[in-house]
N, C-alpha and C. Protein backbone atom coordinates (compact mmCIF):
# COMPACT_ATOMS: atom_id res chain seq x y z
N UNK A 1 6.18 -12.25 11.02
CA UNK A 1 5.72 -11.06 10.33
C UNK A 1 4.22 -10.92 10.56
N UNK A 2 3.78 -9.70 10.92
CA UNK A 2 2.34 -9.47 11.10
C UNK A 2 1.57 -9.71 9.80
N UNK A 3 0.30 -10.04 9.95
CA UNK A 3 -0.59 -10.32 8.82
C UNK A 3 -1.77 -9.36 8.88
N UNK A 4 -2.18 -8.83 7.71
CA UNK A 4 -3.37 -7.97 7.62
C UNK A 4 -4.52 -8.71 8.30
N UNK A 5 -5.17 -8.09 9.29
CA UNK A 5 -6.21 -8.77 10.05
C UNK A 5 -7.39 -9.23 9.19
N UNK A 6 -7.88 -10.42 9.48
CA UNK A 6 -9.05 -10.95 8.76
C UNK A 6 -10.31 -10.19 9.12
N UNK A 7 -10.29 -9.46 10.23
CA UNK A 7 -11.47 -8.68 10.64
C UNK A 7 -11.57 -7.36 9.90
N UNK A 8 -10.56 -7.04 9.06
CA UNK A 8 -10.61 -5.84 8.22
C UNK A 8 -11.01 -6.24 6.81
N UNK A 9 -11.55 -5.31 6.02
CA UNK A 9 -11.93 -5.64 4.64
C UNK A 9 -10.74 -6.22 3.88
N UNK A 10 -11.01 -7.22 3.07
CA UNK A 10 -9.97 -7.90 2.30
C UNK A 10 -9.86 -7.37 0.88
N UNK A 11 -10.86 -6.64 0.41
CA UNK A 11 -10.84 -6.08 -0.94
C UNK A 11 -11.12 -4.58 -0.86
N UNK A 12 -10.28 -3.76 -1.52
CA UNK A 12 -10.50 -2.30 -1.50
C UNK A 12 -11.60 -1.89 -2.48
N UNK A 13 -12.01 -0.63 -2.38
CA UNK A 13 -12.94 -0.08 -3.37
C UNK A 13 -12.23 -0.06 -4.72
N UNK A 14 -12.93 -0.46 -5.77
CA UNK A 14 -12.28 -0.51 -7.09
C UNK A 14 -11.93 0.87 -7.61
N UNK A 15 -12.75 1.89 -7.29
CA UNK A 15 -12.44 3.22 -7.80
C UNK A 15 -11.34 3.92 -6.99
N UNK A 16 -10.91 3.32 -5.89
CA UNK A 16 -9.86 3.93 -5.08
C UNK A 16 -8.53 3.23 -5.17
N UNK A 17 -8.42 2.23 -6.04
CA UNK A 17 -7.17 1.46 -6.12
C UNK A 17 -6.31 1.94 -7.29
N UNK A 18 -5.05 2.26 -6.98
CA UNK A 18 -4.08 2.60 -8.02
C UNK A 18 -2.82 1.79 -7.73
N UNK A 19 -2.40 1.02 -8.70
CA UNK A 19 -1.18 0.22 -8.56
C UNK A 19 -0.10 0.81 -9.46
N UNK A 20 1.07 1.07 -8.89
CA UNK A 20 2.19 1.61 -9.64
C UNK A 20 3.35 0.63 -9.56
N UNK A 21 3.75 0.03 -10.70
CA UNK A 21 4.87 -0.91 -10.66
C UNK A 21 6.17 -0.21 -10.24
N UNK A 22 7.12 -1.01 -9.82
CA UNK A 22 8.42 -0.48 -9.40
C UNK A 22 9.14 0.17 -10.59
N UNK A 23 9.76 1.30 -10.33
CA UNK A 23 10.56 1.99 -11.35
C UNK A 23 12.03 1.75 -11.01
N UNK A 24 12.67 0.86 -11.75
CA UNK A 24 14.06 0.49 -11.44
C UNK A 24 15.05 0.96 -12.51
N UNK A 25 14.58 1.78 -13.46
CA UNK A 25 15.46 2.20 -14.55
C UNK A 25 16.14 3.53 -14.27
N UNK A 26 17.36 3.65 -14.78
CA UNK A 26 18.11 4.89 -14.76
C UNK A 26 18.20 5.39 -16.19
N UNK A 27 17.88 6.66 -16.40
CA UNK A 27 17.92 7.26 -17.73
C UNK A 27 19.18 8.09 -17.85
N UNK A 28 19.93 7.87 -18.93
CA UNK A 28 21.15 8.64 -19.19
C UNK A 28 21.00 9.35 -20.52
N UNK A 29 21.08 10.68 -20.49
CA UNK A 29 20.99 11.46 -21.73
C UNK A 29 22.28 11.33 -22.53
N UNK A 30 22.15 11.27 -23.83
CA UNK A 30 23.29 11.15 -24.74
C UNK A 30 23.51 12.49 -25.44
N UNK A 31 24.74 12.74 -25.91
CA UNK A 31 25.04 13.96 -26.66
C UNK A 31 24.23 13.99 -27.96
N UNK A 32 24.04 12.83 -28.54
CA UNK A 32 23.26 12.73 -29.77
C UNK A 32 22.44 11.44 -29.71
N UNK A 33 21.25 11.47 -30.25
CA UNK A 33 20.40 10.29 -30.28
C UNK A 33 19.56 10.14 -29.02
N UNK A 34 18.82 9.06 -28.97
CA UNK A 34 17.91 8.85 -27.83
C UNK A 34 18.68 8.52 -26.54
N UNK A 35 18.03 8.78 -25.44
CA UNK A 35 18.61 8.45 -24.13
C UNK A 35 18.74 6.95 -23.98
N UNK A 36 19.65 6.54 -23.12
CA UNK A 36 19.84 5.12 -22.81
C UNK A 36 19.22 4.84 -21.45
N UNK A 37 18.70 3.64 -21.30
CA UNK A 37 18.13 3.19 -20.04
C UNK A 37 18.87 1.95 -19.58
N UNK A 38 19.03 1.82 -18.26
CA UNK A 38 19.62 0.61 -17.70
C UNK A 38 18.96 0.37 -16.33
N UNK A 39 18.91 -0.88 -15.92
CA UNK A 39 18.35 -1.17 -14.59
C UNK A 39 19.27 -0.64 -13.49
N UNK A 40 18.70 0.02 -12.52
CA UNK A 40 19.44 0.50 -11.36
C UNK A 40 19.60 -0.63 -10.36
N UNK A 41 18.60 -1.49 -10.29
CA UNK A 41 18.58 -2.60 -9.35
C UNK A 41 17.72 -3.72 -9.94
N UNK A 42 17.84 -4.90 -9.39
CA UNK A 42 17.03 -6.01 -9.88
C UNK A 42 15.71 -6.15 -9.12
N UNK A 43 15.56 -5.38 -8.04
CA UNK A 43 14.33 -5.45 -7.25
C UNK A 43 13.92 -4.04 -6.84
N UNK A 44 12.70 -3.69 -7.14
CA UNK A 44 12.20 -2.36 -6.80
C UNK A 44 10.95 -2.44 -5.93
N UNK A 45 10.52 -1.29 -5.48
CA UNK A 45 9.35 -1.18 -4.61
C UNK A 45 8.17 -0.66 -5.44
N UNK A 46 7.12 -1.46 -5.52
CA UNK A 46 5.89 -1.02 -6.19
C UNK A 46 5.02 -0.29 -5.16
N UNK A 47 3.99 0.40 -5.63
CA UNK A 47 3.10 1.15 -4.74
C UNK A 47 1.64 0.75 -4.98
N UNK A 48 0.89 0.74 -3.90
CA UNK A 48 -0.55 0.50 -3.95
C UNK A 48 -1.25 1.63 -3.21
N UNK A 49 -2.10 2.36 -3.88
CA UNK A 49 -2.97 3.34 -3.23
C UNK A 49 -4.34 2.68 -3.13
N UNK A 50 -4.89 2.63 -1.92
CA UNK A 50 -6.12 1.88 -1.68
C UNK A 50 -7.11 2.71 -0.88
N UNK A 51 -8.40 2.44 -1.11
CA UNK A 51 -9.48 3.07 -0.34
C UNK A 51 -10.45 2.00 0.13
N UNK A 52 -10.94 2.19 1.32
CA UNK A 52 -11.92 1.27 1.91
C UNK A 52 -13.02 2.10 2.58
N UNK A 53 -14.21 1.51 2.71
CA UNK A 53 -15.24 2.04 3.60
C UNK A 53 -15.22 1.12 4.81
N UNK A 54 -14.99 1.73 6.00
CA UNK A 54 -14.88 0.93 7.22
C UNK A 54 -15.81 1.48 8.30
N UNK A 55 -16.29 0.56 9.11
CA UNK A 55 -17.09 0.93 10.27
C UNK A 55 -16.17 1.49 11.36
N UNK A 56 -16.76 2.07 12.39
CA UNK A 56 -15.97 2.59 13.52
C UNK A 56 -15.11 1.49 14.13
N UNK A 57 -15.66 0.30 14.29
CA UNK A 57 -14.92 -0.82 14.89
C UNK A 57 -13.74 -1.22 13.99
N UNK A 58 -13.96 -1.23 12.68
CA UNK A 58 -12.87 -1.58 11.76
C UNK A 58 -11.77 -0.50 11.77
N UNK A 59 -12.15 0.76 11.85
CA UNK A 59 -11.16 1.84 11.95
C UNK A 59 -10.33 1.68 13.21
N UNK A 60 -10.98 1.34 14.33
CA UNK A 60 -10.25 1.12 15.58
C UNK A 60 -9.29 -0.06 15.44
N UNK A 61 -9.74 -1.13 14.77
CA UNK A 61 -8.87 -2.30 14.57
C UNK A 61 -7.68 -1.93 13.71
N UNK A 62 -7.90 -1.17 12.63
CA UNK A 62 -6.80 -0.74 11.76
C UNK A 62 -5.83 0.15 12.53
N UNK A 63 -6.35 1.03 13.33
CA UNK A 63 -5.51 1.91 14.14
C UNK A 63 -4.64 1.10 15.11
N UNK A 64 -5.24 0.12 15.76
CA UNK A 64 -4.48 -0.76 16.66
C UNK A 64 -3.42 -1.54 15.90
N UNK A 65 -3.78 -2.07 14.73
CA UNK A 65 -2.84 -2.83 13.90
C UNK A 65 -1.66 -1.94 13.52
N UNK A 66 -1.94 -0.73 13.04
CA UNK A 66 -0.89 0.19 12.60
C UNK A 66 0.00 0.61 13.78
N UNK A 67 -0.61 1.04 14.88
CA UNK A 67 0.16 1.56 16.01
C UNK A 67 0.87 0.49 16.82
N UNK A 68 0.14 -0.58 17.15
CA UNK A 68 0.68 -1.58 18.07
C UNK A 68 1.47 -2.69 17.37
N UNK A 69 0.82 -3.34 16.40
CA UNK A 69 1.47 -4.48 15.76
C UNK A 69 2.56 -4.07 14.76
N UNK A 70 2.37 -2.91 14.11
CA UNK A 70 3.35 -2.47 13.11
C UNK A 70 4.25 -1.35 13.65
N UNK A 71 4.15 -1.05 14.94
CA UNK A 71 4.99 -0.01 15.56
C UNK A 71 4.90 1.30 14.78
N UNK A 72 3.66 1.79 14.62
CA UNK A 72 3.35 3.05 13.92
C UNK A 72 3.82 3.02 12.47
N UNK A 73 3.73 1.83 11.85
CA UNK A 73 4.07 1.69 10.44
C UNK A 73 5.52 1.34 10.16
N UNK A 74 6.33 1.11 11.18
CA UNK A 74 7.75 0.81 10.97
C UNK A 74 7.99 -0.60 10.45
N UNK A 75 7.07 -1.53 10.74
CA UNK A 75 7.27 -2.93 10.34
C UNK A 75 6.49 -3.26 9.08
N UNK A 76 6.99 -4.21 8.32
CA UNK A 76 6.26 -4.71 7.14
C UNK A 76 5.27 -5.77 7.59
N UNK A 77 4.34 -6.10 6.69
CA UNK A 77 3.31 -7.08 7.01
C UNK A 77 2.86 -7.79 5.74
N UNK A 78 2.23 -8.93 5.92
CA UNK A 78 1.69 -9.69 4.79
C UNK A 78 0.29 -9.14 4.49
N UNK A 79 0.05 -8.86 3.21
CA UNK A 79 -1.18 -8.19 2.79
C UNK A 79 -1.76 -8.90 1.58
N UNK A 80 -3.09 -9.13 1.52
CA UNK A 80 -3.70 -9.78 0.35
C UNK A 80 -3.76 -8.82 -0.84
N UNK A 81 -2.88 -9.01 -1.81
CA UNK A 81 -2.84 -8.11 -2.98
C UNK A 81 -4.14 -8.24 -3.76
N UNK A 82 -4.85 -7.13 -4.01
CA UNK A 82 -6.16 -7.21 -4.65
C UNK A 82 -6.15 -7.70 -6.10
N UNK A 83 -5.08 -7.45 -6.84
CA UNK A 83 -5.03 -7.89 -8.24
C UNK A 83 -4.42 -9.29 -8.35
N UNK A 84 -3.35 -9.53 -7.63
CA UNK A 84 -2.66 -10.82 -7.71
C UNK A 84 -3.41 -11.93 -6.98
N UNK A 85 -4.26 -11.52 -6.02
CA UNK A 85 -5.02 -12.45 -5.20
C UNK A 85 -4.12 -13.42 -4.45
N UNK A 86 -2.99 -12.90 -3.96
CA UNK A 86 -2.08 -13.68 -3.12
C UNK A 86 -1.40 -12.71 -2.16
N UNK A 87 -0.88 -13.23 -1.06
CA UNK A 87 -0.24 -12.33 -0.09
C UNK A 87 1.09 -11.79 -0.61
N UNK A 88 1.35 -10.52 -0.29
CA UNK A 88 2.63 -9.88 -0.61
C UNK A 88 3.12 -9.17 0.64
N UNK A 89 4.42 -8.93 0.72
CA UNK A 89 4.99 -8.18 1.84
C UNK A 89 4.86 -6.69 1.55
N UNK A 90 4.28 -5.96 2.49
CA UNK A 90 4.04 -4.53 2.32
C UNK A 90 4.47 -3.78 3.56
N UNK A 91 4.53 -2.46 3.41
CA UNK A 91 4.66 -1.56 4.55
C UNK A 91 3.92 -0.28 4.18
N UNK A 92 3.48 0.43 5.21
CA UNK A 92 2.79 1.69 4.99
C UNK A 92 3.81 2.75 4.56
N UNK A 93 3.46 3.51 3.53
CA UNK A 93 4.31 4.63 3.13
C UNK A 93 4.09 5.81 4.08
N UNK A 94 2.88 5.93 4.57
CA UNK A 94 2.49 6.97 5.53
C UNK A 94 1.30 6.43 6.31
N UNK A 95 0.92 7.06 7.41
CA UNK A 95 -0.23 6.56 8.17
C UNK A 95 -1.52 6.62 7.35
N UNK A 96 -2.47 5.71 7.65
CA UNK A 96 -3.76 5.76 6.96
C UNK A 96 -4.49 7.05 7.27
N UNK A 97 -5.39 7.46 6.36
CA UNK A 97 -6.17 8.68 6.51
C UNK A 97 -7.64 8.27 6.64
N UNK A 98 -8.31 8.82 7.65
CA UNK A 98 -9.72 8.50 7.92
C UNK A 98 -10.57 9.73 7.65
N UNK A 99 -11.57 9.60 6.77
CA UNK A 99 -12.50 10.70 6.48
C UNK A 99 -13.92 10.21 6.75
N UNK A 100 -14.69 10.91 7.54
CA UNK A 100 -16.05 10.45 7.85
C UNK A 100 -16.95 10.47 6.62
N UNK A 101 -17.72 9.39 6.48
CA UNK A 101 -18.74 9.31 5.43
C UNK A 101 -20.08 9.70 6.03
N UNK A 102 -20.36 9.15 7.20
CA UNK A 102 -21.52 9.53 8.01
C UNK A 102 -21.15 9.21 9.45
N UNK A 103 -22.09 9.15 10.34
CA UNK A 103 -21.77 8.92 11.74
C UNK A 103 -21.14 7.59 12.07
N UNK A 104 -21.37 6.59 11.24
CA UNK A 104 -20.91 5.24 11.56
C UNK A 104 -19.82 4.70 10.65
N UNK A 105 -19.57 5.35 9.51
CA UNK A 105 -18.62 4.81 8.55
C UNK A 105 -17.60 5.87 8.13
N UNK A 106 -16.43 5.39 7.74
CA UNK A 106 -15.32 6.25 7.33
C UNK A 106 -14.74 5.75 6.03
N UNK A 107 -14.28 6.68 5.19
CA UNK A 107 -13.50 6.30 4.01
C UNK A 107 -12.04 6.33 4.46
N UNK A 108 -11.39 5.20 4.32
CA UNK A 108 -10.00 5.05 4.75
C UNK A 108 -9.14 4.95 3.49
N UNK A 109 -8.17 5.83 3.38
CA UNK A 109 -7.23 5.77 2.27
C UNK A 109 -5.84 5.49 2.83
N UNK A 110 -5.08 4.71 2.07
CA UNK A 110 -3.73 4.39 2.51
C UNK A 110 -2.86 4.08 1.32
N UNK A 111 -1.59 4.32 1.49
CA UNK A 111 -0.62 4.03 0.43
C UNK A 111 0.39 3.04 0.99
N UNK A 112 0.52 1.92 0.28
CA UNK A 112 1.44 0.86 0.69
C UNK A 112 2.58 0.74 -0.29
N UNK A 113 3.73 0.32 0.22
CA UNK A 113 4.86 -0.04 -0.62
C UNK A 113 4.90 -1.56 -0.65
N UNK A 114 4.92 -2.13 -1.86
CA UNK A 114 5.01 -3.57 -2.03
C UNK A 114 6.48 -3.92 -2.14
N UNK A 115 6.97 -4.66 -1.18
CA UNK A 115 8.40 -4.96 -1.10
C UNK A 115 8.79 -6.11 -2.00
N UNK A 116 10.02 -6.08 -2.52
CA UNK A 116 10.47 -7.19 -3.39
C UNK A 116 10.68 -8.48 -2.62
């Protein structure tokens, strides 16, 4: 399994990180009284929305990692979870987005799925 490159930032911007736990519940409406909930599955997919400031070289490395090593995001990879501080298996939900900050740096946003 590919591993998030050590040459890329290991910690995201704190104001750009949003973690969404897996939603595994099914809600069933009742004729009377409150709705009932039950687990749909025992393992769900959590989401991580992350932002980084990267140099041109780091953006190129991320692009190579995404396109070549992950086959344009089709493969999962080991990623250092910023809150848990341990590696988790992830995959890209969509390609990373690069927005220029100035001539040499870019704000990179990406959304990952944390696999069970």
